[in-house]
Each structure stands twice: as structure tokens, then as C-alpha cells.
Protein backbone atom coordinates (compact mmCIF):
# COMPACT_ATOMS: atom_id res chain seq x y z
CA MET A 1 -6.71 7.52 -22.12
CA PRO A 2 -9.83 8.20 -24.23
CA SER A 3 -11.75 11.36 -23.53
CA ASP A 4 -14.68 9.77 -21.67
CA HIS A 5 -12.28 8.38 -19.06
CA TYR A 6 -11.90 11.80 -17.47
CA GLU A 7 -15.53 12.19 -16.45
CA ARG A 8 -15.86 8.67 -15.02
CA ARG A 9 -12.50 8.77 -13.31
CA GLN A 10 -13.70 11.20 -10.65
CA GLN A 11 -16.28 8.70 -9.36
CA VAL A 12 -13.68 5.94 -9.42
CA LEU A 13 -11.19 8.00 -7.43
CA ALA A 14 -13.74 8.71 -4.73
CA ALA A 15 -14.78 5.05 -4.57
CA ALA A 16 -11.17 3.94 -4.32
CA ALA A 17 -10.49 6.22 -1.38
CA LEU A 18 -13.46 4.85 0.59
CA GLY A 19 -12.62 1.27 -0.39
CA SER A 20 -9.07 1.64 0.83
CA LEU A 21 -10.41 2.92 4.17
CA VAL A 22 -12.70 -0.09 4.44
CA LEU A 23 -10.12 -2.67 3.54
CA GLY A 24 -7.11 -1.34 5.43
CA SER A 25 -3.57 -2.51 4.84
CA CYS A 26 -2.08 -5.94 5.49
CA ALA A 27 1.48 -6.09 6.76
CA GLY A 28 3.84 -8.20 4.68
CA PRO A 29 7.45 -9.20 5.04
CA SER A 30 9.81 -6.47 6.18
CA ALA A 31 12.23 -4.87 3.75
CA THR A 32 15.09 -7.00 5.07
CA ALA A 33 13.44 -10.13 3.67
CA PHE A 34 14.23 -8.86 0.16
CA VAL A 35 17.83 -7.76 0.75
CA SER A 36 20.27 -9.61 -1.49
CA VAL A 37 23.68 -8.29 -0.45
CA THR A 38 24.50 -7.50 3.16
CA ALA A 39 27.89 -5.88 3.65
CA PRO A 40 29.05 -2.51 5.04
CA ARG A 41 31.11 -1.98 1.90
CA VAL A 42 30.42 -3.19 -1.63
CA ALA A 43 32.60 -2.84 -4.72
CA ILE A 44 31.17 -3.40 -8.19
CA THR A 45 34.13 -3.96 -10.46
CA HIS A 46 34.71 -3.87 -14.23
CA VAL A 47 31.22 -2.57 -14.89
CA ARG A 48 29.91 -0.19 -17.55
CA VAL A 49 28.59 3.03 -15.99
CA ILE A 50 25.92 5.32 -17.43
CA ASP A 51 25.97 8.07 -14.84
CA GLY A 52 22.67 9.83 -15.61
CA THR A 53 24.15 13.13 -16.79
CA GLY A 54 23.65 12.30 -20.47
CA VAL A 55 27.31 11.72 -21.31
CA PRO A 56 28.29 8.47 -23.08
CA GLY A 57 28.64 5.41 -20.90
CA ARG A 58 32.10 4.44 -19.62
CA ASP A 59 33.42 0.89 -19.71
CA ASP A 60 35.55 -0.98 -17.14
CA GLN A 61 34.58 1.14 -14.14
CA THR A 62 34.57 0.31 -10.45
CA VAL A 63 32.07 1.75 -7.98
CA VAL A 64 32.62 1.48 -4.23
CA ILE A 65 29.64 1.80 -1.88
CA GLU A 66 30.10 2.58 1.79
CA ASP A 67 27.63 3.65 4.48
CA GLY A 68 24.85 4.02 1.94
CA ARG A 69 26.79 6.37 -0.33
CA ILE A 70 29.07 6.18 -3.33
CA ARG A 71 32.55 6.32 -1.84
CA ASP A 72 34.36 6.18 -5.15
CA VAL A 73 33.81 5.72 -8.87
CA GLY A 74 36.29 5.58 -11.72
CA GLY A 75 38.40 3.39 -13.97
CA ALA A 76 38.83 -0.10 -12.54
CA ALA A 77 42.63 0.22 -12.60
CA SER A 78 42.61 3.43 -10.55
CA ILE A 79 40.13 2.62 -7.76
CA ARG A 80 41.38 1.14 -4.50
CA ILE A 81 38.96 -1.48 -3.17
CA PRO A 82 38.74 -1.74 0.64
CA ALA A 83 40.04 -5.07 1.90
CA ASP A 84 36.77 -5.88 3.67
CA ALA A 85 34.50 -4.97 0.76
CA ARG A 86 32.10 -7.44 -0.77
CA THR A 87 33.17 -7.54 -4.43
CA LEU A 88 30.70 -8.03 -7.27
CA ASP A 89 32.00 -8.73 -10.76
CA GLY A 90 30.27 -6.32 -13.13
CA ARG A 91 31.58 -7.70 -16.41
CA GLY A 92 28.84 -7.81 -19.04
CA ARG A 93 26.67 -5.52 -16.93
CA THR A 94 25.80 -1.82 -16.71
CA LEU A 95 25.21 0.37 -13.69
CA ILE A 96 22.69 3.19 -14.04
CA PRO A 97 21.24 5.55 -11.42
CA GLY A 98 18.03 4.55 -9.69
CA LEU A 99 15.15 5.85 -11.80
CA VAL A 100 13.18 8.87 -10.57
CA GLY A 101 9.56 8.35 -11.59
CA MET A 102 7.64 11.61 -11.81
CA HIS A 103 4.13 10.44 -12.72
CA GLU A 104 3.55 7.48 -10.48
CA HIS A 105 0.52 6.23 -8.58
CA LEU A 106 -0.02 3.73 -5.80
CA PHE A 107 -3.30 2.49 -7.24
CA TYR A 108 -4.11 0.47 -10.36
CA GLN A 109 -6.88 1.43 -12.75
CA LEU A 110 -8.68 -1.03 -15.03
CA GLU A 111 -11.62 -0.66 -17.38
CA SER A 112 -13.45 -3.48 -19.12
CA PRO A 113 -16.59 -3.38 -21.28
CA SER A 114 -18.51 -5.54 -18.82
CA SER A 115 -17.45 -4.10 -15.47
CA GLY A 116 -16.72 -0.48 -16.30
CA GLN A 117 -13.93 1.54 -14.74
CA MET A 118 -12.42 0.30 -11.50
CA ALA A 119 -9.58 1.34 -9.21
CA PHE A 120 -7.67 -0.92 -6.86
CA PRO A 121 -5.53 0.09 -3.89
CA ALA A 122 -2.01 -1.13 -4.67
CA GLN A 123 0.29 0.73 -2.32
CA GLU A 124 2.32 -2.21 -1.04
CA VAL A 125 2.49 -4.25 -4.24
CA PHE A 126 3.35 -1.21 -6.36
CA ALA A 127 6.05 -0.20 -3.88
CA LYS A 128 7.67 -3.60 -4.50
CA LEU A 129 7.26 -3.35 -8.27
CA TYR A 130 8.77 0.12 -8.49
CA LEU A 131 11.82 -0.98 -6.52
CA ALA A 132 12.17 -4.26 -8.41
CA SER A 133 12.17 -2.37 -11.71
CA GLY A 134 14.90 0.04 -10.62
CA VAL A 135 12.69 2.96 -9.66
CA THR A 136 14.16 4.16 -6.36
CA THR A 137 12.37 7.53 -6.11
CA ILE A 138 8.80 8.39 -7.07
CA ARG A 139 6.44 11.32 -7.01
CA THR A 140 2.82 10.27 -6.63
CA ALA A 141 1.28 12.56 -9.22
CA GLY A 142 -2.17 12.44 -7.70
CA THR A 143 -3.74 10.03 -5.24
CA VAL A 144 -7.04 8.36 -4.42
CA ASP A 145 -5.94 7.66 -0.83
CA PHE A 146 -3.50 10.19 0.56
CA ASP A 147 -3.52 8.74 4.07
CA GLY A 148 -2.82 5.26 2.70
CA ASP A 149 0.05 6.58 0.59
CA LEU A 150 1.43 8.38 3.64
CA ARG A 151 1.29 5.22 5.75
CA VAL A 152 3.18 3.26 3.10
CA LYS A 153 5.79 6.00 2.84
CA GLN A 154 6.27 5.91 6.59
CA ARG A 155 6.66 2.12 6.59
CA ILE A 156 9.22 2.30 3.79
CA ASP A 157 11.15 5.04 5.55
CA ALA A 158 11.18 2.93 8.72
CA GLY A 159 12.48 -0.14 6.87
CA ARG A 160 9.32 -2.18 7.43
CA LEU A 161 8.41 -2.35 3.74
CA PRO A 162 10.57 -2.44 0.61
CA GLY A 163 9.89 0.38 -1.78
CA PRO A 164 11.11 3.60 -3.36
CA ARG A 165 11.64 6.96 -1.73
CA ILE A 166 8.21 8.62 -1.99
CA HIS A 167 7.41 12.28 -2.59
CA LEU A 168 3.72 12.70 -1.83
CA THR A 169 1.36 14.65 -4.08
CA GLY A 170 -1.98 15.59 -2.59
CA PRO A 171 -5.42 14.56 -3.88
CA TYR A 172 -6.47 15.81 -7.31
CA LEU A 173 -7.48 19.47 -7.43
CA ASN A 174 -10.75 19.74 -9.35
CA ALA A 175 -13.31 22.44 -9.95
CA MET A 176 -16.53 22.17 -7.95
CA GLY A 177 -19.69 24.05 -8.77
CA ALA A 178 -20.68 26.19 -11.72
CA ALA A 179 -18.70 29.25 -10.60
CA PRO A 180 -14.95 29.28 -9.97
CA ASP A 181 -13.99 29.18 -6.30
CA PRO A 182 -10.30 30.04 -5.98
CA GLU A 183 -10.54 30.42 -2.19
CA ARG A 184 -11.70 26.81 -1.81
CA VAL A 185 -8.84 25.58 -3.99
CA ALA A 186 -6.31 27.62 -2.03
CA ARG A 187 -7.62 26.10 1.22
CA ALA A 188 -7.35 22.62 -0.28
CA VAL A 189 -3.69 23.19 -1.19
CA ALA A 190 -2.91 24.53 2.28
CA ASP A 191 -4.70 21.61 3.91
CA GLN A 192 -2.83 19.08 1.77
CA ALA A 193 0.47 20.72 2.66
CA ASP A 194 -0.40 20.56 6.35
CA ARG A 195 -1.07 16.83 5.98
CA GLY A 196 2.34 16.20 4.42
CA ALA A 197 1.97 16.75 0.69
CA THR A 198 5.10 18.15 -0.93
CA SER A 199 3.48 18.76 -4.32
CA PHE A 200 0.04 19.25 -5.81
CA LYS A 201 -1.78 18.30 -8.99
CA ALA A 202 -4.28 20.45 -10.83
CA TYR A 203 -6.73 18.30 -12.76
CA THR A 204 -8.70 18.77 -15.94
CA SER A 205 -11.67 20.80 -14.74
CA LEU A 206 -9.71 23.39 -12.73
CA ARG A 207 -10.34 26.87 -14.11
CA ALA A 208 -7.92 29.75 -14.57
CA SER A 209 -8.61 31.67 -11.36
CA GLU A 210 -8.58 28.44 -9.37
CA LEU A 211 -5.32 27.28 -10.93
CA ARG A 212 -3.73 30.65 -10.21
CA ALA A 213 -4.81 30.39 -6.56
CA ALA A 214 -3.40 26.86 -6.31
CA ILE A 215 -0.07 27.95 -7.79
CA GLN A 216 0.24 30.96 -5.52
CA THR A 217 -0.61 28.96 -2.40
CA ALA A 218 1.85 26.19 -3.26
CA HIS A 219 4.62 28.65 -4.03
CA ALA A 220 3.99 30.53 -0.77
CA ARG A 221 4.90 27.26 0.96
CA GLY A 222 7.99 26.75 -1.17
CA LEU A 223 6.30 23.78 -2.87
CA ARG A 224 5.63 22.88 -6.48
CA ILE A 225 2.54 22.16 -8.51
CA THR A 226 1.93 20.19 -11.67
CA GLY A 227 -1.12 19.83 -13.85
CA HIS A 228 -3.02 17.49 -16.10
CA LEU A 229 -4.59 20.47 -17.79
CA CYS A 230 -7.67 20.84 -19.94
CA ALA A 231 -9.83 23.85 -18.96
CA VAL A 232 -6.60 25.89 -18.93
CA SER A 233 -4.09 25.84 -21.78
CA PHE A 234 -0.36 25.24 -21.47
CA LEU A 235 0.44 28.86 -22.34
CA GLU A 236 -2.01 30.20 -19.75
CA ALA A 237 -0.63 27.89 -17.05
CA ALA A 238 2.96 28.77 -17.90
CA ALA A 239 2.18 32.47 -17.60
CA MET A 240 0.69 31.81 -14.14
CA GLY A 241 3.90 30.13 -13.00
CA ILE A 242 2.97 26.45 -13.00
CA ASP A 243 6.05 24.28 -12.40
CA ASN A 244 5.22 21.16 -14.39
CA ILE A 245 2.76 19.89 -16.99
CA GLU A 246 1.81 16.23 -17.37
CA HIS A 247 1.56 14.07 -20.49
CA GLY A 248 2.64 16.55 -23.15
CA ILE A 249 1.30 18.36 -26.18
CA ALA A 250 -1.45 15.83 -26.90
CA PHE A 251 -3.33 17.38 -23.94
CA ASP A 252 -2.81 21.07 -24.73
CA THR A 253 -6.29 22.42 -25.37
CA GLY A 254 -4.79 25.78 -26.29
CA LEU A 255 -4.10 24.30 -29.73
CA TYR A 256 -7.77 23.36 -30.23
CA SER A 257 -9.81 25.58 -32.53
CA GLY A 258 -12.97 25.16 -30.44
CA LYS A 259 -11.44 26.02 -27.06
CA GLN A 260 -13.56 28.23 -24.81
CA PRO A 261 -12.20 29.97 -21.68
CA ASP A 262 -12.37 27.83 -18.52
CA VAL A 263 -13.99 24.94 -20.38
CA CYS A 264 -12.44 21.49 -20.80
CA PRO A 265 -13.31 20.41 -24.35
CA ASP A 266 -13.63 16.87 -25.62
CA GLN A 267 -10.16 15.32 -25.45
CA GLY A 268 -10.72 13.21 -28.52
CA ALA A 269 -11.43 16.34 -30.58
CA VAL A 270 -8.32 18.04 -29.18
CA MET A 271 -6.12 15.11 -30.10
CA GLY A 272 -7.84 14.72 -33.45
CA GLU A 273 -6.77 18.22 -34.44
CA LEU A 274 -3.24 17.55 -33.20
CA THR A 275 -2.88 14.56 -35.51
CA GLY A 276 -3.41 16.92 -38.43
CA ARG A 277 -0.53 19.20 -37.41
CA ASP A 278 3.06 18.93 -38.56
CA VAL A 279 4.68 19.19 -35.14
CA PRO A 280 8.25 20.03 -36.22
CA SER A 281 7.13 23.01 -38.33
CA ASP A 282 4.01 24.12 -36.44
CA ALA A 283 4.36 27.75 -35.31
CA ASP A 284 1.87 27.43 -32.44
CA ILE A 285 3.67 24.41 -31.02
CA ALA A 286 7.03 26.15 -31.40
CA ARG A 287 5.62 29.15 -29.54
CA THR A 288 4.37 26.89 -26.75
CA ILE A 289 7.72 25.11 -26.45
CA ALA A 290 9.56 28.43 -26.32
CA ALA A 291 7.30 29.69 -23.54
CA LEU A 292 7.67 26.51 -21.48
CA VAL A 293 11.45 26.58 -21.81
CA ARG A 294 11.69 30.30 -21.09
CA ARG A 295 9.60 29.98 -17.94
CA GLY A 296 11.27 26.78 -16.77
CA VAL A 297 8.13 24.64 -16.94
CA ALA A 298 8.97 20.93 -16.89
CA VAL A 299 7.00 18.37 -18.92
CA THR A 300 6.43 14.81 -17.75
CA SER A 301 6.46 12.19 -20.48
CA THR A 302 4.03 9.29 -20.04
CA LEU A 303 4.44 7.55 -23.38
CA ALA A 304 3.88 4.05 -21.98
CA VAL A 305 0.28 4.66 -20.94
CA LEU A 306 -0.47 6.40 -24.24
CA GLU A 307 1.05 3.51 -26.17
CA SER A 308 -1.18 1.01 -24.35
CA PHE A 309 -4.08 2.18 -26.54
CA THR A 310 -2.27 1.58 -29.83
CA GLY A 311 -2.35 -2.21 -30.11
CA ARG A 312 1.30 -2.08 -31.15
CA GLU A 313 3.54 -5.04 -30.49
CA GLY A 314 5.01 -4.60 -27.04
CA ALA A 315 2.38 -2.07 -25.99
CA VAL A 316 1.33 -4.41 -23.18
CA ASP A 317 4.15 -5.95 -21.17
CA GLU A 318 3.73 -9.72 -21.05
CA ARG A 319 5.07 -9.63 -17.51
CA LEU A 320 1.92 -7.78 -16.46
CA PRO A 321 -0.86 -10.46 -16.51
CA PRO A 322 0.84 -12.74 -13.91
CA LEU A 323 0.79 -9.83 -11.48
CA LEU A 324 -3.00 -9.64 -11.55
CA ALA A 325 -5.23 -11.39 -9.05
CA SER A 326 -7.26 -14.17 -10.65
CA ARG A 327 -10.46 -12.37 -9.75
CA ILE A 328 -9.76 -9.59 -12.27
CA GLY A 329 -8.19 -11.72 -15.01
CA ALA A 330 -11.39 -11.83 -17.09
CA ASP A 331 -11.86 -8.06 -16.79
CA PHE A 332 -8.28 -7.48 -17.90
CA ASP A 333 -8.70 -9.80 -20.90
CA ALA A 334 -11.90 -8.01 -21.89
CA ALA A 335 -10.23 -4.62 -21.56
CA ARG A 336 -7.21 -5.75 -23.54
CA ALA A 337 -9.40 -7.10 -26.34
CA GLY A 338 -10.69 -3.59 -26.93
CA TRP A 339 -7.15 -2.29 -27.59
CA LYS A 340 -5.52 -5.29 -29.22
CA ASP A 341 -6.17 -4.81 -32.93
CA PRO A 342 -3.64 -2.33 -34.37
CA GLU A 343 -5.80 -1.99 -37.48
CA SER A 344 -8.86 -0.82 -35.59
CA GLN A 345 -9.85 2.81 -35.93
CA GLY A 346 -9.25 3.53 -32.25
CA CYS A 347 -5.78 1.99 -32.23
CA ARG A 348 -4.76 3.79 -35.43
CA PHE A 349 -5.88 7.06 -33.86
CA TRP A 350 -3.67 6.48 -30.82
CA VAL A 351 -0.71 5.48 -32.99
CA ALA A 352 -0.98 8.90 -34.61
CA VAL A 353 -1.26 10.63 -31.22
CA VAL A 354 1.81 8.83 -29.85
CA LYS A 355 3.80 9.77 -32.96
CA LYS A 356 2.95 13.46 -32.52
CA GLU A 357 3.73 13.33 -28.82
CA MET A 358 7.13 11.76 -29.53
CA GLN A 359 7.91 14.52 -32.01
CA PHE A 360 6.97 17.15 -29.45
CA GLU A 361 9.10 15.61 -26.71
CA ARG A 362 12.13 15.35 -28.97
CA GLN A 363 11.66 18.98 -30.00
CA PHE A 364 11.15 20.10 -26.39
CA VAL A 365 14.40 18.44 -25.28
CA ALA A 366 16.29 19.89 -28.25
CA ALA A 367 15.07 23.36 -27.24
CA GLY A 368 16.51 22.93 -23.75
CA GLY A 369 13.31 21.92 -21.95
CA ARG A 370 13.32 19.78 -18.82
CA LEU A 371 11.60 16.54 -19.81
CA MET A 372 10.90 14.04 -17.04
CA ALA A 373 9.43 10.54 -17.12
CA GLY A 374 6.70 8.49 -15.46
CA VAL A 375 4.33 5.62 -16.12
CA ASP A 376 0.82 6.71 -14.94
CA PRO A 377 -0.64 3.23 -14.27
CA THR A 378 -4.18 4.17 -15.32
CA GLY A 379 -6.02 4.09 -18.66
CA TRP A 380 -7.63 0.73 -19.40
CA GLY A 381 -5.10 -1.18 -17.28
CA GLY A 382 -2.33 -1.86 -19.77
CA VAL A 383 0.55 -0.52 -17.66
CA VAL A 384 1.70 -1.08 -14.09
CA ALA A 385 4.25 0.35 -11.71
CA GLY A 386 7.88 -0.21 -12.63
CA TYR A 387 7.40 -2.15 -15.83
CA GLY A 388 5.85 0.92 -17.43
CA ASP A 389 8.81 3.03 -16.30
CA GLN A 390 11.17 0.68 -18.14
CA ARG A 391 8.97 0.81 -21.24
CA GLU A 392 9.04 4.61 -21.02
CA LEU A 393 12.83 4.54 -21.52
CA GLU A 394 12.44 2.39 -24.61
CA LEU A 395 9.85 4.76 -26.04
CA LEU A 396 11.98 7.83 -25.37
CA VAL A 397 14.73 6.23 -27.43
CA GLU A 398 12.20 5.40 -30.13
CA ALA A 399 11.23 9.08 -30.05
CA GLY A 400 14.77 9.98 -31.05
CA LEU A 401 16.66 10.53 -27.80
CA THR A 402 19.97 8.77 -27.25
CA PRO A 403 19.86 6.06 -24.56
CA GLU A 404 22.01 8.22 -22.30
CA THR A 405 19.67 11.19 -22.77
CA ALA A 406 16.63 9.01 -22.11
CA ILE A 407 18.22 7.81 -18.87
CA ARG A 408 18.96 11.43 -17.92
CA VAL A 409 15.29 12.27 -18.48
CA ALA A 410 14.31 9.44 -16.13
CA THR A 411 16.93 10.19 -13.45
CA VAL A 412 18.75 13.53 -13.12
CA ASN A 413 15.93 15.65 -14.53
CA GLY A 414 13.41 14.37 -12.00
CA ALA A 415 15.88 14.47 -9.12
CA ASP A 416 16.73 18.09 -9.84
CA PHE A 417 13.06 19.02 -10.05
CA LEU A 418 12.49 17.46 -6.63
CA TYR A 419 15.47 19.38 -5.22
CA GLU A 420 17.18 16.02 -4.71
CA GLY A 421 19.86 16.33 -7.37
CA GLU A 422 22.65 16.61 -4.80
CA GLN A 423 21.58 13.30 -3.29
CA VAL A 424 20.18 11.01 -5.98
CA GLY A 425 19.68 10.77 -9.74
CA SER A 426 23.27 10.25 -10.90
CA ILE A 427 26.39 8.23 -10.17
CA ALA A 428 29.06 10.39 -8.58
CA ARG A 429 31.25 10.37 -5.51
CA GLY A 430 29.38 11.34 -2.34
CA LEU A 431 25.83 10.78 -3.62
CA GLN A 432 23.45 8.27 -2.10
CA ALA A 433 23.96 4.84 -3.58
CA ASP A 434 20.68 4.52 -5.48
CA LEU A 435 21.87 2.30 -8.33
CA VAL A 436 20.54 -0.32 -10.73
CA LEU A 437 22.70 -3.16 -12.01
CA VAL A 438 21.39 -4.53 -15.29
CA ARG A 439 22.65 -7.32 -17.50
CA GLY A 440 23.72 -6.01 -20.90
CA ASN A 441 24.41 -2.57 -22.34
CA PRO A 442 21.50 -0.11 -22.57
CA SER A 443 23.67 2.24 -24.67
CA ALA A 444 23.50 -0.34 -27.46
CA HIS A 445 20.11 -1.85 -26.61
CA ILE A 446 17.88 0.23 -24.35
CA GLY A 447 15.68 -2.80 -23.69
CA ASP A 448 18.44 -4.14 -21.43
CA VAL A 449 17.06 -1.87 -18.69
CA ARG A 450 14.57 -4.68 -18.12
CA ASN A 451 17.35 -7.09 -17.13
CA VAL A 452 17.58 -5.88 -13.54
CA GLU A 453 19.86 -8.00 -11.37
CA LEU A 454 20.26 -5.80 -8.29
CA VAL A 455 18.69 -2.57 -7.08
CA PHE A 456 20.59 -0.49 -4.53
CA LYS A 457 18.66 2.02 -2.47
CA ASP A 458 20.72 3.93 0.09
CA GLY A 459 23.44 1.35 -0.51
CA VAL A 460 21.21 -1.62 0.37
CA ALA A 461 20.99 -4.18 -2.43
CA TYR A 462 17.53 -5.63 -3.08
CA ASP A 463 16.71 -8.79 -5.03
CA PRO A 464 14.31 -7.84 -7.85
CA ALA A 465 13.29 -11.46 -8.46
CA ALA A 466 12.18 -11.84 -4.85
CA LEU A 467 10.24 -8.57 -4.97
CA ILE A 468 8.46 -9.56 -8.17
CA ALA A 469 7.70 -13.03 -6.81
CA ALA A 470 6.05 -11.40 -3.80
CA ALA A 471 3.94 -9.26 -6.13
CA GLN A 472 2.64 -12.08 -8.32
CA GLY A 473 -1.14 -12.37 -8.29
CA SER A 474 -1.45 -9.41 -5.90
CA VAL A 475 -2.70 -6.54 -8.06
CA GLY A 476 -6.44 -6.39 -7.53
CA GLU A 477 -6.54 -9.05 -4.81
CA ARG A 478 -8.25 -6.64 -2.48
CA ASP A 479 -11.95 -5.99 -3.04
CA LEU A 480 -12.93 -4.33 -6.28
CA LEU A 481 -13.43 -0.62 -5.97
CA ARG A 482 -16.23 0.20 -8.34
CA PRO A 483 -18.12 3.46 -8.91
CA LEU A 484 -20.42 5.03 -6.38
CA TRP A 485 -23.32 2.60 -6.69
CA LEU A 486 -21.36 0.22 -4.46
CA PHE A 487 -21.05 2.79 -1.70
CA PRO A 488 -24.02 1.38 0.27
CA TYR A 489 -22.31 -2.03 0.26
CA ASN A 490 -19.06 -0.49 1.49
CA LEU A 491 -20.88 1.47 4.17
CA VAL A 492 -22.52 -1.74 5.38
CA LEU A 493 -19.06 -3.27 5.73
CA VAL A 494 -17.92 -0.29 7.76
CA ALA A 495 -20.99 -0.51 10.00
CA LEU A 496 -20.53 -4.24 10.53
CA ALA A 497 -16.85 -3.73 11.38
CA VAL A 498 -17.75 -1.04 13.94
CA LEU A 499 -20.46 -3.20 15.51
CA LEU A 500 -18.13 -6.18 15.69
CA ALA A 501 -15.41 -4.11 17.34
CA ALA A 502 -17.93 -2.74 19.85
CA LYS A 503 -19.14 -6.26 20.65
CA ILE A 504 -15.57 -7.46 21.25
CA VAL A 505 -14.85 -4.53 23.57
CA SER A 506 -18.10 -5.15 25.47
CA ASP A 507 -17.32 -8.85 25.89
CA VAL A 508 -13.84 -8.10 27.19
CA ARG A 509 -15.20 -5.60 29.73
CA GLN A 510 -17.84 -8.06 30.94
CA ARG A 511 -15.20 -10.79 31.44
CA ARG A 512 -13.10 -8.36 33.48
CA VAL A 513 -16.13 -7.58 35.68
């Protein structure tokens, strides 16, 4: 996410919201069309279990699912299987909790040299991809179309669309005008909460007094707030009581020598100074980690989107291009060409940034910090829903976490933050049966989390292959959402749609007369 992305992104977000309103949402197959196993009781036998708590995986386990919950779990020899249960042989497979993605979006962002930065509404297709990849709960850490996200959530909750359990974050909270306006920001938070948002996201330009107002308003409602910070440092935000910080130390402007109060400096310069620091021994970083841990501020890791700029092998999932609509294939190829050469200056810079971020995250976890995980399908377009969440697990292990700890980061830690830890996030008797059955053993090879065979959400088993097949060629199939110069075109479409609807109504009334 190079520094100039932040300025342009605001126009893109506004364009995407209007475009989504223009285009609407097309109903697809109901959730039942993707159900793989239909039985009131299911027993998965002789399976390896990684329960999400961070403890080593256990072999030869049996898990019994009944009425959407985990009825029993334990050694295969000790668990009684109901006579009417559908039995699945779990030999050679591992069961992990459904992933809890904490920096997810329901839009896709792409930037190519020829077409510039674009955003595409992707609520339905991303809902399928999250579920297919084993992500059964998400928090939308910012939105370009809150009403569209809400509609998709409602359809999922009603069983009309397959997808994860969605916790809605309101639209991005940005500064407006030359002078801080904390009252306006407080009203925005209250309004978002009234519309159904359960969390809020402070964005880069928000200033100290405005961030403080947002935090206080959210907390007065018993709700939480996160931030992709820039004008305010991590230490300042922690002292104000922020609950969560996105992306990690690479975005902490408090470490930048040229930082001015309430000003968001150039992100490239901030990261450039970070690459010159020795993270494990840096006193300022240690002080920041200590403050975050002491105040209970969670950090969301988004290593996959950062890695997409490095040109490293595996930085772009080869499963991604087939998901794209043919109309944006050339734009994707052009964008990818700009971040494909690992020897280029830009890619080498991002390799250094990712290395420092990995060191910070390992140190933060070791200090007792709550690290969570997400994908953030933005940047130049190199990551998408679900696939990026799986890559995140691989990168956390590369950063030095054990596979079991990485899975805890991506499950229990997020569930607890969302106050859902007594329902989802781990594998234990009585919890909701949000489970992922993968072929292989992620304890030995974390990449096996990609080998998803079944995804259980509330005890219902979905077929990941069918979900992915339904998503092929769908990302970007709806009209391109470009920056604001296309607004007149979009407004013409709206006007034509209104006139057409009025003409149809008039014709119907005349026929009745």
C-alpha cells in the first residue's frame, strides 16, 4: 500500500458507494445450494484437532456435531457416536476452528498504470470466498457501501446467501476541513451505530481531538473502535483508549522523526525510517509495545496485503486471476507487472518493510499482546477475500509463530475481541460448530490450511469447491467504479432508471383505466 494510495483512495471509496447504489444486487442461489452434508447429527472420526487455543494439535480425535453445536470432542476411543449420526472419516485430515477475519472488506480494490485506482462492489462473491476458505466470521474493517454490506448480512443471516457471520464496521471516519471538528465525528459515530454498525474505523486523516471524540462516543454505546492511524500516533491513540490498531508498526507515525501534531506524513518516509531500525532492540518500539499491551490495545496483522508489493514468490495467489471478470484481466496484469520484479527498488523496499513488521508482530505476541488477523483486499489488487486470510496464516508462521499460535491469532483472539469467544473461535463442547476440515496437517505444514474440504458454519457443512466455482469470473463483473470523473455518467444511469420506472408505472395505470 504505497503512500499515494491513501489520498486517491478517498475518491475511490465515494465512487464505489454511488456505483453500488446504481448497480444494485443480483440474487444468486440460496445458501442451501452449496450445502454438502445434510444430517441432524454429524460425527467426524479419527481426525487431528487444532482447537484454536494455541495448544499442540491432538491426533485421533472424534467431534460430534448436533443442532449446530459441538456436542462432544475427545479421543476417538472415548466418544460415543449417536446411532443416527452421519459419520465422516477424518483420517489424514485436520479440524480447525472457523477463521475469524478482523480486517475484511466486501469490495475489491485494483490499481493499474493505465486505468488508475478502482473499486468494485463484491459483497456476494466475497461472502462465498470467505466461507469457502474457512473464514466463518468477519469484521468489515471499513466499508464503501454500508447499506449494501447490511443487506448481504441480512441475506446470510436469513439463509438466502452463503457467507460468514458478519460484524459490520461503519464507513471510514476521516477529517473534513482545515480545523478539527470533533462534534461532527461524534455525530457520525452515533449515526453509524443507529444504522447497525457494531464497530468503527478511524482513518488516516483523523486528528487527535476527533479521534478522542470517536472513541468516547463508541465506548458510550458499549462498542469498539479501531484505526488505520497516521495523523495520530499509536501511543497517542492508546492513551485515548482506542481498542484496536490496524496493520502494525509499519504505520506508526509516532516513530517518524518528521512527525507534526495532527498531520499525516508521507507513508513512504515513515516506512523508510522504520527499515533502518533494529526492531528487536529498539527502545521506542519496545515502549510502544509495552503501552499497547498494558492498555489492552489489539493489533490486526495484514501481512498478506503488505507482501503483495514485494514480488516474492507466492506473494500473489495463483488461484486469484480465475476469479476476476475478463473485463478487468488486462488491468490486473498491468497492475501485477508493476509489483512482479523482486529486484526492483520498490519491491526490495517492501520486502524490508514486511520483515520489520514480522519482527514487530512476533515481539508483540511474545509480550502478551492480542494479535489478530485479516486480509484487507485492497492495495493494487494482489489479494482477495479468503485466499488472503489463508496466506496470512502462512506468513504468521514465517514471522516466527508456531502454527498453533498462528491459528489462535486468526480464531480465538478475534472471537474474544468481538465478545464472541463463548460461541465461536475454538473447538470445545457446547460451542457453535464453526469448523474447517482440511486435508493434511497444518502443525507440520501450515500451507495445508489451503486444502479445505468442508466448512461448517453453525453445524451446516458447505462445499468449498462449489462456492469457489460460483465465484469464478465474478470479481469485477459489475461496472467499473472509477474516481469521481465518472459521476456524471453514473448520475445519467440513475436518471434513466428513474424515468424508465416512471414510464412503466404510467403505462400500467393507463391500462387499468
